Amino acid sequence: MVNIANPIYDIVFKYLMEDDADMKHIVHRLLMASTDADVRQDMNVEDEYFAAIEKRDTEIMLRDRKLAEQQVQLSEQQVQLNEQQVQLSEQQVQLSEQQVQLSEQQVQLSEQQVQLSEQQKLLGYSIQIMQDNGLSLEAISAKLGKSVEELKELLQHLS
């Protein structure tokens, strides 16, 4: 039986050698080859070559993993950006609705101002008619429940 420096490897090696005739044959050939200096030199060169390939493959794998992580982050950022765009669109819709409501309120206010102005004119005409019929401003004031100053103001708007 061959002993390897690391006890864990010894256990694994022993397990592999127990029942596998092919493995025994391969290990026997490797041991015999390692005693030949030329073969050992070739094996060392192969080990260096495979180590370089493994190092390159590891670097590629790490780079690919990093790229994949960056892609995930980019996708997450894109999702967040899309959500923000949806929110912005919703806010724009709300703003448009508020602007429509404000415009409607302004129209209503203008209509109310026109109605108020017409009512004041009618009241002014009524005051003028009452004065033409001989009533004094004090008597008209008492009937309408308004001050004499307010009545004078309404009469001035007629002129």
Protein backbone atom coordinates (compact mmCIF):
# COMPACT_ATOMS: atom_id res chain seq x y z
CA MET A 1 0.00 0.00 0.00
CA VAL A 2 1.21 3.53 -0.87
CA ASN A 3 1.13 6.26 1.79
CA ILE A 4 0.44 9.83 0.75
CA ALA A 5 1.56 12.79 2.88
CA ASN A 6 -1.95 13.98 3.76
CA PRO A 7 -3.94 11.50 5.90
CA ILE A 8 -7.21 12.52 4.28
CA TYR A 9 -5.77 11.65 0.88
CA ASP A 10 -4.59 8.33 2.32
CA ILE A 11 -8.16 7.50 3.33
CA VAL A 12 -9.56 8.49 -0.06
CA PHE A 13 -6.79 6.63 -1.87
CA LYS A 14 -7.43 3.52 0.24
CA TYR A 15 -11.18 3.75 -0.50
CA LEU A 16 -10.54 4.04 -4.23
CA MET A 17 -8.15 1.10 -4.23
CA GLU A 18 -10.36 -1.33 -2.31
CA ASP A 19 -12.66 -2.73 -4.98
CA ASP A 20 -11.75 -1.05 -8.23
CA ALA A 21 -9.36 -3.08 -10.40
CA ASP A 22 -9.19 -0.32 -13.03
CA MET A 23 -8.22 2.23 -10.41
CA LYS A 24 -5.52 -0.11 -9.07
CA HIS A 25 -4.15 -0.48 -12.58
CA ILE A 26 -4.13 3.32 -13.19
CA VAL A 27 -2.47 4.07 -9.85
CA HIS A 28 0.12 1.31 -10.48
CA ARG A 29 0.92 2.81 -13.93
CA LEU A 30 1.21 6.30 -12.46
CA LEU A 31 3.56 5.10 -9.75
CA MET A 32 5.73 3.32 -12.28
CA ALA A 33 5.71 6.37 -14.57
CA SER A 34 6.74 8.67 -11.72
CA THR A 35 9.94 6.64 -11.26
CA ASP A 36 11.07 7.45 -14.82
CA ALA A 37 12.76 10.92 -14.89
CA ASP A 38 11.62 11.82 -18.42
CA VAL A 39 8.02 10.84 -17.71
CA ARG A 40 8.16 12.66 -14.39
CA GLN A 41 9.45 15.80 -16.20
CA ASP A 42 6.64 15.50 -18.77
CA MET A 43 4.11 15.08 -15.98
CA ASN A 44 5.46 18.20 -14.23
CA VAL A 45 5.19 20.17 -17.47
CA GLU A 46 1.64 18.89 -17.94
CA ASP A 47 0.84 19.85 -14.35
CA GLU A 48 2.12 23.39 -14.98
CA TYR A 49 0.15 23.58 -18.23
CA PHE A 50 -3.03 22.33 -16.57
CA ALA A 51 -2.46 24.67 -13.61
CA ALA A 52 -2.23 27.62 -16.02
CA ILE A 53 -5.39 26.49 -17.82
CA GLU A 54 -7.17 25.99 -14.49
CA LYS A 55 -6.07 29.45 -13.34
CA ARG A 56 -7.35 30.99 -16.58
CA ASP A 57 -10.63 29.06 -16.31
CA THR A 58 -11.01 30.22 -12.71
CA GLU A 59 -10.41 33.83 -13.74
CA ILE A 60 -12.97 33.48 -16.55
CA MET A 61 -15.45 31.89 -14.17
CA LEU A 62 -14.96 34.70 -11.63
CA ARG A 63 -15.31 37.32 -14.35
CA ASP A 64 -18.47 35.62 -15.66
CA ARG A 65 -19.88 35.48 -12.12
CA LYS A 66 -19.10 39.18 -11.63
CA LEU A 67 -20.73 40.00 -14.98
CA ALA A 68 -23.79 37.96 -14.02
CA GLU A 69 -24.04 39.81 -10.69
CA GLN A 70 -23.72 43.13 -12.50
CA GLN A 71 -26.42 42.02 -14.95
CA VAL A 72 -28.71 41.18 -12.01
CA GLN A 73 -28.04 44.59 -10.46
CA LEU A 74 -28.69 46.26 -13.80
CA SER A 75 -31.96 44.36 -14.16
CA GLU A 76 -33.00 45.38 -10.64
CA GLN A 77 -32.16 48.99 -11.42
CA GLN A 78 -34.18 48.75 -14.64
CA VAL A 79 -37.15 47.40 -12.66
CA GLN A 80 -36.84 50.27 -10.18
CA LEU A 81 -36.60 52.75 -13.05
CA ASN A 82 -39.73 51.27 -14.65
CA GLU A 83 -41.57 51.50 -11.32
CA GLN A 84 -40.51 55.13 -10.95
CA GLN A 85 -41.71 55.85 -14.49
CA VAL A 86 -45.07 54.27 -13.68
CA GLN A 87 -45.32 56.39 -10.52
CA LEU A 88 -44.37 59.49 -12.48
CA SER A 89 -47.02 58.70 -15.10
CA GLU A 90 -49.61 58.24 -12.35
CA GLN A 91 -48.60 61.55 -10.80
CA GLN A 92 -48.89 63.25 -14.20
CA VAL A 93 -52.38 61.81 -14.63
CA GLN A 94 -53.35 63.07 -11.17
CA LEU A 95 -51.89 66.48 -11.96
CA SER A 96 -53.85 66.63 -15.23
CA GLU A 97 -57.04 65.68 -13.38
CA GLN A 98 -56.38 68.38 -10.80
CA GLN A 99 -55.79 70.92 -13.56
CA VAL A 100 -59.11 69.96 -15.14
CA GLN A 101 -60.83 70.34 -11.79
CA LEU A 102 -59.17 73.70 -11.24
CA SER A 103 -60.30 74.87 -14.68
CA GLU A 104 -63.85 73.74 -13.93
CA GLN A 105 -63.75 75.60 -10.60
CA GLN A 106 -62.48 78.74 -12.35
CA VAL A 107 -65.33 78.51 -14.85
CA GLN A 108 -67.82 78.12 -12.00
CA LEU A 109 -66.28 81.05 -10.17
CA SER A 110 -66.50 83.21 -13.29
CA GLU A 111 -70.15 82.23 -13.74
CA GLN A 112 -70.86 83.07 -10.10
CA GLN A 113 -69.15 86.44 -10.49
CA VAL A 114 -71.27 87.18 -13.56
CA GLN A 115 -74.42 86.19 -11.65
CA LEU A 116 -73.41 88.34 -8.67
CA SER A 117 -72.72 91.27 -10.95
CA GLU A 118 -76.15 90.83 -12.60
CA GLN A 119 -77.83 90.62 -9.18
CA GLN A 120 -76.08 93.80 -8.06
CA LYS A 121 -77.21 95.57 -11.24
CA LEU A 122 -80.79 94.40 -10.70
CA LEU A 123 -80.66 95.57 -7.11
CA GLY A 124 -79.21 98.88 -8.27
CA TYR A 125 -82.04 99.27 -10.81
CA SER A 126 -84.57 98.40 -8.12
CA ILE A 127 -83.09 101.05 -5.81
CA GLN A 128 -83.21 103.60 -8.62
CA ILE A 129 -86.84 102.73 -9.38
CA MET A 130 -87.74 103.06 -5.67
CA GLN A 131 -86.02 106.46 -5.56
CA ASP A 132 -87.86 107.49 -8.72
CA ASN A 133 -91.10 106.54 -6.92
CA GLY A 134 -90.23 108.93 -4.11
CA LEU A 135 -88.64 106.69 -1.47
CA SER A 136 -85.60 108.01 0.34
CA LEU A 137 -82.36 106.07 0.64
CA GLU A 138 -83.00 105.67 4.39
CA ALA A 139 -86.41 104.05 3.74
CA ILE A 140 -84.96 101.79 1.02
CA SER A 141 -82.13 100.88 3.40
CA ALA A 142 -84.61 99.85 6.07
CA LYS A 143 -86.64 97.76 3.60
CA LEU A 144 -83.60 95.95 2.09
CA GLY A 145 -81.59 95.58 5.29
CA LYS A 146 -78.56 97.28 3.78
CA SER A 147 -76.70 100.40 4.84
CA VAL A 148 -77.10 103.67 2.97
CA GLU A 149 -73.41 103.43 1.92
CA GLU A 150 -74.00 100.03 0.34
CA LEU A 151 -76.99 101.42 -1.56
CA LYS A 152 -74.94 104.36 -2.82
CA GLU A 153 -72.25 101.97 -3.98
CA LEU A 154 -74.80 99.89 -5.90
CA LEU A 155 -76.14 103.03 -7.55
CA GLN A 156 -72.63 104.10 -8.59
CA HIS A 157 -72.10 100.77 -10.42
CA LEU A 158 -75.04 101.61 -12.65
CA SER A 159 -73.45 104.79 -13.96
